[in-house]
């Protein structure tokens, strides 16, 4: 199941973190925040879970996790034009967050830069 969600997440088209936040559904799911290093390559910065992605993703603009600090810095530097986001709806994803991070790490060949902890596992 985690592999299927990872594949969906990787295949999805990146959206602008600034311009497309309104497109994020009020739904439970997994999301990833990226950073456009070039026009063709996006680095995966963070993979997260939320019960309400529409509410949670914008919170990264003003909270204090390391990813939030990076986002604030990018917004201050250039309006956040290089920040991207994509998401997949997934009910009951909270206990699978650690599996998503692990799966994304394997598929990408690197751990998303700002995932310091392993995520929720709910053992």
PDB file of N, CA and C in Angstrom:
ATOM      1  N   UNK A   1       0.815  -1.204   0.000  1.00  0.00           N
ATOM      2  CA  UNK A   1       0.000   0.000   0.000  1.00  0.00           C
ATOM      3  C   UNK A   1       0.855   1.263   0.000  1.00  0.00           C
ATOM      4  N   UNK A   2       1.889   1.317   0.866  1.00  0.00           N
ATOM      5  CA  UNK A   2       2.749   2.501   0.924  1.00  0.00           C
ATOM      6  C   UNK A   2       3.432   2.714  -0.417  1.00  0.00           C
ATOM      7  N   UNK A   3       3.841   1.621  -1.053  1.00  0.00           N
ATOM      8  CA  UNK A   3       4.517   1.727  -2.348  1.00  0.00           C
ATOM      9  C   UNK A   3       3.589   2.321  -3.403  1.00  0.00           C
ATOM     10  N   UNK A   4       2.318   1.930  -3.382  1.00  0.00           N
ATOM     11  CA  UNK A   4       1.341   2.463  -4.321  1.00  0.00           C
ATOM     12  C   UNK A   4       1.150   3.969  -4.120  1.00  0.00           C
ATOM     13  N   UNK A   5       1.054   4.406  -2.874  1.00  0.00           N
ATOM     14  CA  UNK A   5       0.909   5.832  -2.575  1.00  0.00           C
ATOM     15  C   UNK A   5       2.173   6.576  -3.017  1.00  0.00           C
ATOM     16  N   UNK A   6       3.330   6.004  -2.748  1.00  0.00           N
ATOM     17  CA  UNK A   6       4.596   6.634  -3.168  1.00  0.00           C
ATOM     18  C   UNK A   6       4.636   6.800  -4.681  1.00  0.00           C
ATOM     19  N   UNK A   7       4.252   5.756  -5.404  1.00  0.00           N
ATOM     20  CA  UNK A   7       4.245   5.834  -6.860  1.00  0.00           C
ATOM     21  C   UNK A   7       3.304   6.927  -7.345  1.00  0.00           C
ATOM     22  N   UNK A   8       2.114   7.000  -6.753  1.00  0.00           N
ATOM     23  CA  UNK A   8       1.155   8.044  -7.128  1.00  0.00           C
ATOM     24  C   UNK A   8       1.731   9.430  -6.855  1.00  0.00           C
ATOM     25  N   UNK A   9       2.361   9.569  -5.696  1.00  0.00           N
ATOM     26  CA  UNK A   9       2.921  10.855  -5.310  1.00  0.00           C
ATOM     27  C   UNK A   9       4.047  11.274  -6.260  1.00  0.00           C
ATOM     28  N   UNK A  10       4.907  10.353  -6.611  1.00  0.00           N
ATOM     29  CA  UNK A  10       6.018  10.653  -7.515  1.00  0.00           C
ATOM     30  C   UNK A  10       5.498  11.012  -8.911  1.00  0.00           C
ATOM     31  N   UNK A  11       4.475  10.321  -9.378  1.00  0.00           N
ATOM     32  CA  UNK A  11       3.948  10.571 -10.730  1.00  0.00           C
ATOM     33  C   UNK A  11       3.161  11.880 -10.843  1.00  0.00           C
ATOM     34  N   UNK A  12       2.605  12.340  -9.747  1.00  0.00           N
ATOM     35  CA  UNK A  12       1.780  13.558  -9.796  1.00  0.00           C
ATOM     36  C   UNK A  12       2.605  14.752 -10.257  1.00  0.00           C
ATOM     37  N   UNK A  13       1.917  15.696 -10.849  1.00  0.00           N
ATOM     38  CA  UNK A  13       2.554  16.923 -11.315  1.00  0.00           C
ATOM     39  C   UNK A  13       2.708  17.884 -10.140  1.00  0.00           C
ATOM     40  N   UNK A  14       3.873  18.506 -10.052  1.00  0.00           N
ATOM     41  CA  UNK A  14       4.100  19.499  -9.007  1.00  0.00           C
ATOM     42  C   UNK A  14       3.202  20.712  -9.242  1.00  0.00           C
ATOM     43  N   UNK A  15       2.716  21.285  -8.169  1.00  0.00           N
ATOM     44  CA  UNK A  15       1.933  22.522  -8.200  1.00  0.00           C
ATOM     45  C   UNK A  15       2.729  23.588  -7.449  1.00  0.00           C
ATOM     46  N   UNK A  16       2.435  24.838  -7.731  1.00  0.00           N
ATOM     47  CA  UNK A  16       3.096  25.931  -7.033  1.00  0.00           C
ATOM     48  C   UNK A  16       2.671  25.948  -5.566  1.00  0.00           C
ATOM     49  N   UNK A  17       3.646  25.987  -4.680  1.00  0.00           N
ATOM     50  CA  UNK A  17       3.340  26.048  -3.248  1.00  0.00           C
ATOM     51  C   UNK A  17       2.598  27.341  -2.921  1.00  0.00           C
ATOM     52  N   UNK A  18       2.879  28.398  -3.652  1.00  0.00           N
ATOM     53  CA  UNK A  18       2.267  29.695  -3.382  1.00  0.00           C
ATOM     54  C   UNK A  18       0.932  29.849  -4.112  1.00  0.00           C
ATOM     55  N   UNK A  19       0.910  29.601  -5.412  1.00  0.00           N
ATOM     56  CA  UNK A  19      -0.272  29.883  -6.239  1.00  0.00           C
ATOM     57  C   UNK A  19      -1.370  28.827  -6.179  1.00  0.00           C
ATOM     58  N   UNK A  20      -1.017  27.586  -5.873  1.00  0.00           N
ATOM     59  CA  UNK A  20      -1.986  26.497  -5.969  1.00  0.00           C
ATOM     60  C   UNK A  20      -2.425  25.921  -4.624  1.00  0.00           C
ATOM     61  N   UNK A  21      -2.147  26.610  -3.524  1.00  0.00           N
ATOM     62  CA  UNK A  21      -2.547  26.090  -2.212  1.00  0.00           C
ATOM     63  C   UNK A  21      -4.055  25.890  -2.119  1.00  0.00           C
ATOM     64  N   UNK A  22      -4.821  26.707  -2.803  1.00  0.00           N
ATOM     65  CA  UNK A  22      -6.277  26.582  -2.777  1.00  0.00           C
ATOM     66  C   UNK A  22      -6.779  25.304  -3.438  1.00  0.00           C
ATOM     67  N   UNK A  23      -5.935  24.670  -4.260  1.00  0.00           N
ATOM     68  CA  UNK A  23      -6.317  23.425  -4.929  1.00  0.00           C
ATOM     69  C   UNK A  23      -6.219  22.207  -4.021  1.00  0.00           C
ATOM     70  N   UNK A  24      -5.514  22.342  -2.916  1.00  0.00           N
ATOM     71  CA  UNK A  24      -5.321  21.200  -2.020  1.00  0.00           C
ATOM     72  C   UNK A  24      -6.650  20.880  -1.344  1.00  0.00           C
ATOM     73  N   UNK A  25      -7.088  19.628  -1.413  1.00  0.00           N
ATOM     74  CA  UNK A  25      -8.402  19.283  -0.856  1.00  0.00           C
ATOM     75  C   UNK A  25      -8.445  19.275   0.664  1.00  0.00           C
ATOM     76  N   UNK A  26      -9.631  19.507   1.184  1.00  0.00           N
ATOM     77  CA  UNK A  26      -9.880  19.352   2.619  1.00  0.00           C
ATOM     78  C   UNK A  26     -10.077  17.865   2.854  1.00  0.00           C
ATOM     79  N   UNK A  27      -8.964  17.149   2.846  1.00  0.00           N
ATOM     80  CA  UNK A  27      -9.018  15.688   2.936  1.00  0.00           C
ATOM     81  C   UNK A  27      -7.767  15.178   3.639  1.00  0.00           C
ATOM     82  N   UNK A  28      -7.883  13.974   4.152  1.00  0.00           N
ATOM     83  CA  UNK A  28      -6.755  13.301   4.781  1.00  0.00           C
ATOM     84  C   UNK A  28      -5.831  12.786   3.693  1.00  0.00           C
ATOM     85  N   UNK A  29      -4.534  12.899   3.929  1.00  0.00           N
ATOM     86  CA  UNK A  29      -3.624  12.377   2.925  1.00  0.00           C
ATOM     87  C   UNK A  29      -2.168  12.638   3.227  1.00  0.00           C
ATOM     88  N   UNK A  30      -1.369  12.315   2.240  1.00  0.00           N
ATOM     89  CA  UNK A  30       0.076  12.471   2.300  1.00  0.00           C
ATOM     90  C   UNK A  30       0.455  13.554   1.295  1.00  0.00           C
ATOM     91  N   UNK A  31       1.379  14.408   1.667  1.00  0.00           N
ATOM     92  CA  UNK A  31       1.796  15.479   0.765  1.00  0.00           C
ATOM     93  C   UNK A  31       3.311  15.587   0.779  1.00  0.00           C
ATOM     94  N   UNK A  32       3.845  16.187  -0.241  1.00  0.00           N
ATOM     95  CA  UNK A  32       5.280  16.426  -0.282  1.00  0.00           C
ATOM     96  C   UNK A  32       5.535  17.841  -0.763  1.00  0.00           C
ATOM     97  N   UNK A  33       6.537  18.451  -0.187  1.00  0.00           N
ATOM     98  CA  UNK A  33       6.950  19.795  -0.563  1.00  0.00           C
ATOM     99  C   UNK A  33       8.281  19.676  -1.286  1.00  0.00           C
ATOM    100  N   UNK A  34       8.398  20.369  -2.407  1.00  0.00           N
ATOM    101  CA  UNK A  34       9.616  20.307  -3.203  1.00  0.00           C
ATOM    102  C   UNK A  34      10.209  21.675  -3.448  1.00  0.00           C
ATOM    103  N   UNK A  35      11.402  21.651  -4.014  1.00  0.00           N
ATOM    104  CA  UNK A  35      12.141  22.871  -4.332  1.00  0.00           C
ATOM    105  C   UNK A  35      12.737  22.710  -5.719  1.00  0.00           C
ATOM    106  N   UNK A  36      12.369  23.600  -6.634  1.00  0.00           N
ATOM    107  CA  UNK A  36      12.873  23.541  -8.009  1.00  0.00           C
ATOM    108  C   UNK A  36      14.307  24.030  -8.055  1.00  0.00           C
ATOM    109  N   UNK A  37      15.224  23.099  -8.241  1.00  0.00           N
ATOM    110  CA  UNK A  37      16.628  23.469  -8.343  1.00  0.00           C
ATOM    111  C   UNK A  37      16.936  23.945  -9.765  1.00  0.00           C
ATOM    112  N   UNK A  38      16.256  23.346 -10.723  1.00  0.00           N
ATOM    113  CA  UNK A  38      16.356  23.749 -12.122  1.00  0.00           C
ATOM    114  C   UNK A  38      14.946  23.677 -12.680  1.00  0.00           C
ATOM    115  N   UNK A  39      14.763  24.027 -13.928  1.00  0.00           N
ATOM    116  CA  UNK A  39      13.429  23.949 -14.522  1.00  0.00           C
ATOM    117  C   UNK A  39      12.911  22.524 -14.612  1.00  0.00           C
ATOM    118  N   UNK A  40      13.803  21.556 -14.649  1.00  0.00           N
ATOM    119  CA  UNK A  40      13.372  20.171 -14.853  1.00  0.00           C
ATOM    120  C   UNK A  40      13.508  19.294 -13.610  1.00  0.00           C
ATOM    121  N   UNK A  41      14.298  19.717 -12.641  1.00  0.00           N
ATOM    122  CA  UNK A  41      14.542  18.873 -11.481  1.00  0.00           C
ATOM    123  C   UNK A  41      14.013  19.516 -10.205  1.00  0.00           C
ATOM    124  N   UNK A  42      13.239  18.751  -9.472  1.00  0.00           N
ATOM    125  CA  UNK A  42      12.701  19.222  -8.201  1.00  0.00           C
ATOM    126  C   UNK A  42      13.225  18.305  -7.103  1.00  0.00           C
ATOM    127  N   UNK A  43      13.799  18.897  -6.062  1.00  0.00           N
ATOM    128  CA  UNK A  43      14.262  18.130  -4.911  1.00  0.00           C
ATOM    129  C   UNK A  43      13.099  17.966  -3.943  1.00  0.00           C
ATOM    130  N   UNK A  44      12.931  16.765  -3.440  1.00  0.00           N
ATOM    131  CA  UNK A  44      11.895  16.492  -2.441  1.00  0.00           C
ATOM    132  C   UNK A  44      12.433  16.929  -1.081  1.00  0.00           C
ATOM    133  N   UNK A  45      11.772  17.918  -0.489  1.00  0.00           N
ATOM    134  CA  UNK A  45      12.221  18.465   0.784  1.00  0.00           C
ATOM    135  C   UNK A  45      11.579  17.795   1.986  1.00  0.00           C
ATOM    136  N   UNK A  46      10.296  17.452   1.848  1.00  0.00           N
ATOM    137  CA  UNK A  46       9.544  17.021   3.025  1.00  0.00           C
ATOM    138  C   UNK A  46       8.357  16.179   2.595  1.00  0.00           C
ATOM    139  N   UNK A  47       8.112  15.122   3.334  1.00  0.00           N
ATOM    140  CA  UNK A  47       6.924  14.302   3.145  1.00  0.00           C
ATOM    141  C   UNK A  47       6.164  14.345   4.467  1.00  0.00           C
ATOM    142  N   UNK A  48       4.877  14.661   4.399  1.00  0.00           N
ATOM    143  CA  UNK A  48       4.086  14.749   5.619  1.00  0.00           C
ATOM    144  C   UNK A  48       2.703  14.167   5.444  1.00  0.00           C
ATOM    145  N   UNK A  49       2.061  13.957   6.558  1.00  0.00           N
ATOM    146  CA  UNK A  49       0.690  13.447   6.605  1.00  0.00           C
ATOM    147  C   UNK A  49      -0.172  14.502   7.284  1.00  0.00           C
ATOM    148  N   UNK A  50      -1.418  14.594   6.871  1.00  0.00           N
ATOM    149  CA  UNK A  50      -2.362  15.460   7.578  1.00  0.00           C
ATOM    150  C   UNK A  50      -3.770  14.918   7.465  1.00  0.00           C
ATOM    151  N   UNK A  51      -4.529  15.126   8.509  1.00  0.00           N
ATOM    152  CA  UNK A  51      -5.952  14.787   8.522  1.00  0.00           C
ATOM    153  C   UNK A  51      -6.711  15.753   7.601  1.00  0.00           C
ATOM    154  N   UNK A  52      -6.151  16.981   7.440  1.00  0.00           N
ATOM    155  CA  UNK A  52      -6.739  17.991   6.564  1.00  0.00           C
ATOM    156  C   UNK A  52      -5.592  18.714   5.842  1.00  0.00           C
ATOM    157  N   UNK A  53      -5.246  18.235   4.664  1.00  0.00           N
ATOM    158  CA  UNK A  53      -4.117  18.799   3.921  1.00  0.00           C
ATOM    159  C   UNK A  53      -4.341  20.264   3.566  1.00  0.00           C
ATOM    160  N   UNK A  54      -5.582  20.644   3.263  1.00  0.00           N
ATOM    161  CA  UNK A  54      -5.902  22.024   2.892  1.00  0.00           C
ATOM    162  C   UNK A  54      -5.532  22.998   4.019  1.00  0.00           C
ATOM    163  N   UNK A  55      -5.742  22.567   5.236  1.00  0.00           N
ATOM    164  CA  UNK A  55      -5.400  23.389   6.411  1.00  0.00           C
ATOM    165  C   UNK A  55      -3.907  23.295   6.711  1.00  0.00           C
ATOM    166  N   UNK A  56      -3.361  22.089   6.660  1.00  0.00           N
ATOM    167  CA  UNK A  56      -1.994  21.839   7.143  1.00  0.00           C
ATOM    168  C   UNK A  56      -0.903  22.416   6.252  1.00  0.00           C
ATOM    169  N   UNK A  57      -0.977  22.212   4.973  1.00  0.00           N
ATOM    170  CA  UNK A  57       0.133  22.622   4.102  1.00  0.00           C
ATOM    171  C   UNK A  57       0.435  24.122   4.228  1.00  0.00           C
ATOM    172  N   UNK A  58      -0.561  25.005   4.182  1.00  0.00           N
ATOM    173  CA  UNK A  58      -0.243  26.430   4.343  1.00  0.00           C
ATOM    174  C   UNK A  58       0.371  26.780   5.704  1.00  0.00           C
ATOM    175  N   UNK A  59       0.099  25.957   6.723  1.00  0.00           N
ATOM    176  CA  UNK A  59       0.679  26.220   8.043  1.00  0.00           C
ATOM    177  C   UNK A  59       2.204  26.222   8.005  1.00  0.00           C
ATOM    178  N   UNK A  60       2.780  25.550   7.034  1.00  0.00           N
ATOM    179  CA  UNK A  60       4.241  25.513   6.927  1.00  0.00           C
ATOM    180  C   UNK A  60       4.825  26.905   6.680  1.00  0.00           C
ATOM    181  N   UNK A  61       4.000  27.851   6.270  1.00  0.00           N
ATOM    182  CA  UNK A  61       4.491  29.209   6.024  1.00  0.00           C
ATOM    183  C   UNK A  61       4.754  29.988   7.313  1.00  0.00           C
ATOM    184  N   UNK A  62       4.206  29.530   8.438  1.00  0.00           N
ATOM    185  CA  UNK A  62       4.385  30.308   9.660  1.00  0.00           C
ATOM    186  C   UNK A  62       4.735  29.495  10.904  1.00  0.00           C
ATOM    187  N   UNK A  63       4.916  28.210  10.783  1.00  0.00           N
ATOM    188  CA  UNK A  63       5.300  27.436  11.959  1.00  0.00           C
ATOM    189  C   UNK A  63       6.828  27.362  12.078  1.00  0.00           C
ATOM    190  N   UNK A  64       7.350  26.487  12.934  1.00  0.00           N
ATOM    191  CA  UNK A  64       8.774  26.572  13.258  1.00  0.00           C
ATOM    192  C   UNK A  64       9.602  25.305  13.021  1.00  0.00           C
ATOM    193  N   UNK A  65       9.067  24.342  12.280  1.00  0.00           N
ATOM    194  CA  UNK A  65       9.894  23.193  11.901  1.00  0.00           C
ATOM    195  C   UNK A  65      10.990  23.689  10.960  1.00  0.00           C
ATOM    196  N   UNK A  66      12.024  22.903  10.762  1.00  0.00           N
ATOM    197  CA  UNK A  66      13.084  23.305   9.836  1.00  0.00           C
ATOM    198  C   UNK A  66      12.546  23.549   8.430  1.00  0.00           C
ATOM    199  N   UNK A  67      11.598  22.720   7.980  1.00  0.00           N
ATOM    200  CA  UNK A  67      11.006  22.929   6.648  1.00  0.00           C
ATOM    201  C   UNK A  67      10.278  24.271   6.609  1.00  0.00           C
ATOM    202  N   UNK A  68       9.628  24.635   7.707  1.00  0.00           N
ATOM    203  CA  UNK A  68       8.903  25.899   7.772  1.00  0.00           C
ATOM    204  C   UNK A  68       9.865  27.083   7.666  1.00  0.00           C
ATOM    205  N   UNK A  69      11.004  26.972   8.324  1.00  0.00           N
ATOM    206  CA  UNK A  69      12.019  28.034   8.255  1.00  0.00           C
ATOM    207  C   UNK A  69      12.545  28.177   6.833  1.00  0.00           C
ATOM    208  N   UNK A  70      12.752  27.047   6.158  1.00  0.00           N
ATOM    209  CA  UNK A  70      13.218  27.081   4.766  1.00  0.00           C
ATOM    210  C   UNK A  70      12.169  27.763   3.883  1.00  0.00           C
ATOM    211  N   UNK A  71      10.910  27.412   4.077  1.00  0.00           N
ATOM    212  CA  UNK A  71       9.821  28.001   3.289  1.00  0.00           C
ATOM    213  C   UNK A  71       9.758  29.515   3.525  1.00  0.00           C
ATOM    214  N   UNK A  72       9.830  29.924   4.783  1.00  0.00           N
ATOM    215  CA  UNK A  72       9.802  31.360   5.100  1.00  0.00           C
ATOM    216  C   UNK A  72      10.952  32.090   4.411  1.00  0.00           C
ATOM    217  N   UNK A  73      12.125  31.486   4.433  1.00  0.00           N
ATOM    218  CA  UNK A  73      13.305  32.095   3.803  1.00  0.00           C
ATOM    219  C   UNK A  73      13.101  32.236   2.293  1.00  0.00           C
ATOM    220  N   UNK A  74      12.553  31.203   1.670  1.00  0.00           N
ATOM    221  CA  UNK A  74      12.301  31.250   0.224  1.00  0.00           C
ATOM    222  C   UNK A  74      11.258  32.314  -0.124  1.00  0.00           C
ATOM    223  N   UNK A  75      10.233  32.411   0.684  1.00  0.00           N
ATOM    224  CA  UNK A  75       9.192  33.424   0.441  1.00  0.00           C
ATOM    225  C   UNK A  75       9.790  34.823   0.570  1.00  0.00           C
ATOM    226  N   UNK A  76      10.631  35.007   1.559  1.00  0.00           N
ATOM    227  CA  UNK A  76      11.264  36.314   1.752  1.00  0.00           C
ATOM    228  C   UNK A  76      12.218  36.636   0.592  1.00  0.00           C
ATOM    229  N   UNK A  77      12.963  35.614   0.126  1.00  0.00           N
ATOM    230  CA  UNK A  77      13.960  35.839  -0.932  1.00  0.00           C
ATOM    231  C   UNK A  77      13.331  36.105  -2.296  1.00  0.00           C
ATOM    232  N   UNK A  78      12.346  35.285  -2.667  1.00  0.00           N
ATOM    233  CA  UNK A  78      11.823  35.413  -4.034  1.00  0.00           C
ATOM    234  C   UNK A  78      10.326  35.119  -4.155  1.00  0.00           C
ATOM    235  N   UNK A  79       9.606  35.318  -3.082  1.00  0.00           N
ATOM    236  CA  UNK A  79       8.171  35.076  -3.119  1.00  0.00           C
ATOM    237  C   UNK A  79       7.793  33.607  -3.140  1.00  0.00           C
ATOM    238  N   UNK A  80       8.766  32.720  -2.913  1.00  0.00           N
ATOM    239  CA  UNK A  80       8.500  31.277  -2.894  1.00  0.00           C
ATOM    240  C   UNK A  80       8.312  30.665  -4.267  1.00  0.00           C
ATOM    241  N   UNK A  81       8.800  31.344  -5.311  1.00  0.00           N
ATOM    242  CA  UNK A  81       8.546  30.878  -6.687  1.00  0.00           C
ATOM    243  C   UNK A  81       9.129  29.491  -6.983  1.00  0.00           C
ATOM    244  N   UNK A  82      10.116  29.049  -6.207  1.00  0.00           N
ATOM    245  CA  UNK A  82      10.735  27.745  -6.448  1.00  0.00           C
ATOM    246  C   UNK A  82      10.155  26.632  -5.577  1.00  0.00           C
ATOM    247  N   UNK A  83       9.182  26.955  -4.743  1.00  0.00           N
ATOM    248  CA  UNK A  83       8.560  25.958  -3.873  1.00  0.00           C
ATOM    249  C   UNK A  83       7.402  25.273  -4.595  1.00  0.00           C
ATOM    250  N   UNK A  84       7.318  23.971  -4.434  1.00  0.00           N
ATOM    251  CA  UNK A  84       6.273  23.194  -5.089  1.00  0.00           C
ATOM    252  C   UNK A  84       5.630  22.245  -4.077  1.00  0.00           C
ATOM    253  N   UNK A  85       4.476  21.713  -4.450  1.00  0.00           N
ATOM    254  CA  UNK A  85       3.760  20.793  -3.573  1.00  0.00           C
ATOM    255  C   UNK A  85       2.947  19.823  -4.421  1.00  0.00           C
ATOM    256  N   UNK A  86       2.759  18.628  -3.918  1.00  0.00           N
ATOM    257  CA  UNK A  86       1.818  17.669  -4.508  1.00  0.00           C
ATOM    258  C   UNK A  86       1.309  16.776  -3.395  1.00  0.00           C
ATOM    259  N   UNK A  87       0.197  16.111  -3.655  1.00  0.00           N
ATOM    260  CA  UNK A  87      -0.473  15.366  -2.604  1.00  0.00           C
ATOM    261  C   UNK A  87      -1.272  14.208  -3.181  1.00  0.00           C
ATOM    262  N   UNK A  88      -1.599  13.269  -2.264  1.00  0.00           N
ATOM    263  CA  UNK A  88      -2.450  12.122  -2.586  1.00  0.00           C
ATOM    264  C   UNK A  88      -3.379  11.920  -1.394  1.00  0.00           C
ATOM    265  N   UNK A  89      -4.666  11.800  -1.669  1.00  0.00           N
ATOM    266  CA  UNK A  89      -5.620  11.506  -0.594  1.00  0.00           C
ATOM    267  C   UNK A  89      -5.359  10.087  -0.102  1.00  0.00           C
ATOM    268  N   UNK A  90      -5.395   9.920   1.208  1.00  0.00           N
ATOM    269  CA  UNK A  90      -5.215   8.590   1.803  1.00  0.00           C
ATOM    270  C   UNK A  90      -5.821   8.592   3.196  1.00  0.00           C
ATOM    271  N   UNK A  91      -6.909   7.882   3.346  1.00  0.00           N
ATOM    272  CA  UNK A  91      -7.537   7.786   4.664  1.00  0.00           C
ATOM    273  C   UNK A  91      -6.694   6.894   5.563  1.00  0.00           C
ATOM    274  N   UNK A  92      -6.700   7.213   6.832  1.00  0.00           N
ATOM    275  CA  UNK A  92      -5.961   6.446   7.833  1.00  0.00           C
ATOM    276  C   UNK A  92      -4.464   6.405   7.553  1.00  0.00           C
ATOM    277  N   UNK A  93      -3.927   7.485   7.015  1.00  0.00           N
ATOM    278  CA  UNK A  93      -2.512   7.532   6.667  1.00  0.00           C
ATOM    279  C   UNK A  93      -1.578   7.845   7.823  1.00  0.00           C
ATOM    280  N   UNK A  94      -2.122   8.326   8.936  1.00  0.00           N
ATOM    281  CA  UNK A  94      -1.261   8.752  10.036  1.00  0.00           C
ATOM    282  C   UNK A  94      -0.304   7.647  10.483  1.00  0.00           C
ATOM    283  N   UNK A  95      -0.804   6.447  10.639  1.00  0.00           N
ATOM    284  CA  UNK A  95       0.036   5.352  11.121  1.00  0.00           C
ATOM    285  C   UNK A  95       0.975   4.825  10.044  1.00  0.00           C
ATOM    286  N   UNK A  96       0.828   5.324   8.824  1.00  0.00           N
ATOM    287  CA  UNK A  96       1.686   4.883   7.726  1.00  0.00           C
ATOM    288  C   UNK A  96       2.710   5.942   7.325  1.00  0.00           C
ATOM    289  N   UNK A  97       2.716   7.075   8.023  1.00  0.00           N
ATOM    290  CA  UNK A  97       3.602   8.173   7.636  1.00  0.00           C
ATOM    291  C   UNK A  97       5.068   7.724   7.571  1.00  0.00           C
ATOM    292  N   UNK A  98       5.520   6.962   8.557  1.00  0.00           N
ATOM    293  CA  UNK A  98       6.910   6.484   8.556  1.00  0.00           C
ATOM    294  C   UNK A  98       7.175   5.592   7.339  1.00  0.00           C
ATOM    295  N   UNK A  99       6.191   4.769   6.984  1.00  0.00           N
ATOM    296  CA  UNK A  99       6.341   3.903   5.807  1.00  0.00           C
ATOM    297  C   UNK A  99       6.429   4.736   4.524  1.00  0.00           C
ATOM    298  N   UNK A 100       5.650   5.818   4.447  1.00  0.00           N
ATOM    299  CA  UNK A 100       5.703   6.699   3.274  1.00  0.00           C
ATOM    300  C   UNK A 100       7.084   7.339   3.137  1.00  0.00           C
ATOM    301  N   UNK A 101       7.606   7.825   4.249  1.00  0.00           N
ATOM    302  CA  UNK A 101       8.926   8.463   4.219  1.00  0.00           C
ATOM    303  C   UNK A 101       9.986   7.445   3.799  1.00  0.00           C
ATOM    304  N   UNK A 102       9.898   6.251   4.359  1.00  0.00           N
ATOM    305  CA  UNK A 102      10.848   5.183   4.008  1.00  0.00           C
ATOM    306  C   UNK A 102      10.720   4.809   2.529  1.00  0.00           C
ATOM    307  N   UNK A 103       9.504   4.667   2.059  1.00  0.00           N
ATOM    308  CA  UNK A 103       9.244   4.314   0.668  1.00  0.00           C
ATOM    309  C   UNK A 103       9.765   5.396  -0.276  1.00  0.00           C
ATOM    310  N   UNK A 104       9.467   6.655   0.035  1.00  0.00           N
ATOM    311  CA  UNK A 104       9.937   7.759  -0.805  1.00  0.00           C
ATOM    312  C   UNK A 104      11.464   7.805  -0.822  1.00  0.00           C
ATOM    313  N   UNK A 105      12.078   7.552   0.315  1.00  0.00           N
ATOM    314  CA  UNK A 105      13.542   7.537   0.396  1.00  0.00           C
ATOM    315  C   UNK A 105      14.117   6.475  -0.533  1.00  0.00           C
ATOM    316  N   UNK A 106      13.525   5.278  -0.520  1.00  0.00           N
ATOM    317  CA  UNK A 106      13.999   4.199  -1.405  1.00  0.00           C
ATOM    318  C   UNK A 106      13.800   4.556  -2.862  1.00  0.00           C
ATOM    319  N   UNK A 107      12.642   5.066  -3.216  1.00  0.00           N
ATOM    320  CA  UNK A 107      12.330   5.361  -4.616  1.00  0.00           C
ATOM    321  C   UNK A 107      13.136   6.548  -5.154  1.00  0.00           C
ATOM    322  N   UNK A 108      13.405   7.523  -4.300  1.00  0.00           N
ATOM    323  CA  UNK A 108      14.139   8.710  -4.732  1.00  0.00           C
ATOM    324  C   UNK A 108      15.656   8.510  -4.692  1.00  0.00           C
ATOM    325  N   UNK A 109      16.090   7.607  -3.815  1.00  0.00           N
ATOM    326  CA  UNK A 109      17.528   7.413  -3.646  1.00  0.00           C
ATOM    327  C   UNK A 109      18.119   8.368  -2.609  1.00  0.00           C
ATOM    328  N   UNK A 110      17.274   9.145  -1.947  1.00  0.00           N
ATOM    329  CA  UNK A 110      17.710  10.031  -0.863  1.00  0.00           C
ATOM    330  C   UNK A 110      16.510  10.329   0.028  1.00  0.00           C
ATOM    331  N   UNK A 111      16.794  10.645   1.275  1.00  0.00           N
ATOM    332  CA  UNK A 111      15.718  11.001   2.208  1.00  0.00           C
ATOM    333  C   UNK A 111      15.347  12.460   1.968  1.00  0.00           C
ATOM    334  N   UNK A 112      14.044  12.770   1.902  1.00  0.00           N
ATOM    335  CA  UNK A 112      13.658  14.179   1.770  1.00  0.00           C
ATOM    336  C   UNK A 112      14.381  15.015   2.833  1.00  0.00           C
ATOM    337  N   UNK A 113      14.963  16.112   2.391  1.00  0.00           N
ATOM    338  CA  UNK A 113      15.906  16.894   3.182  1.00  0.00           C
ATOM    339  C   UNK A 113      15.449  17.236   4.583  1.00  0.00           C
ATOM    340  N   UNK A 114      14.184  17.570   4.747  1.00  0.00           N
ATOM    341  CA  UNK A 114      13.719  18.078   6.037  1.00  0.00           C
ATOM    342  C   UNK A 114      12.911  17.075   6.846  1.00  0.00           C
ATOM    343  N   UNK A 115      12.907  15.823   6.486  1.00  0.00           N
ATOM    344  CA  UNK A 115      12.271  14.801   7.318  1.00  0.00           C
ATOM    345  C   UNK A 115      13.301  14.325   8.334  1.00  0.00           C
ATOM    346  N   UNK A 116      13.351  15.015   9.459  1.00  0.00           N
ATOM    347  CA  UNK A 116      14.338  14.707  10.498  1.00  0.00           C
ATOM    348  C   UNK A 116      13.960  13.450  11.273  1.00  0.00           C
ATOM    349  N   UNK A 117      12.671  13.338  11.588  1.00  0.00           N
ATOM    350  CA  UNK A 117      12.186  12.160  12.321  1.00  0.00           C
ATOM    351  C   UNK A 117      11.635  11.177  11.282  1.00  0.00           C
ATOM    352  N   UNK A 118      11.366   9.994  11.723  1.00  0.00           N
ATOM    353  CA  UNK A 118      10.871   8.972  10.817  1.00  0.00           C
ATOM    354  C   UNK A 118       9.379   9.039  10.510  1.00  0.00           C
ATOM    355  N   UNK A 119       8.634   9.908  11.203  1.00  0.00           N
ATOM    356  CA  UNK A 119       7.194   9.967  10.984  1.00  0.00           C
ATOM    357  C   UNK A 119       6.433   9.041  11.928  1.00  0.00           C
ATOM    358  N   UNK A 120       5.116   9.156  11.916  1.00  0.00           N
ATOM    359  CA  UNK A 120       4.270   8.336  12.784  1.00  0.00           C
ATOM    360  C   UNK A 120       4.228   6.897  12.286  1.00  0.00           C
ATOM    361  N   UNK A 121       4.234   5.977  13.250  1.00  0.00           N
ATOM    362  CA  UNK A 121       4.185   4.558  12.924  1.00  0.00           C
ATOM    363  C   UNK A 121       3.063   3.852  13.674  1.00  0.00           C
ATOM    364  N   UNK A 122       2.630   4.378  14.808  1.00  0.00           N
ATOM    365  CA  UNK A 122       1.488   3.871  15.593  1.00  0.00           C
ATOM    366  C   UNK A 122       1.591   2.391  15.969  1.00  0.00           C
ATOM    367  N   UNK A 123       2.681   1.983  16.513  1.00  0.00           N
ATOM    368  CA  UNK A 123       2.800   0.584  16.952  1.00  0.00           C
ATOM    369  C   UNK A 123       1.991   0.353  18.196  1.00  0.00           C
TER     370      UNK A 123
END
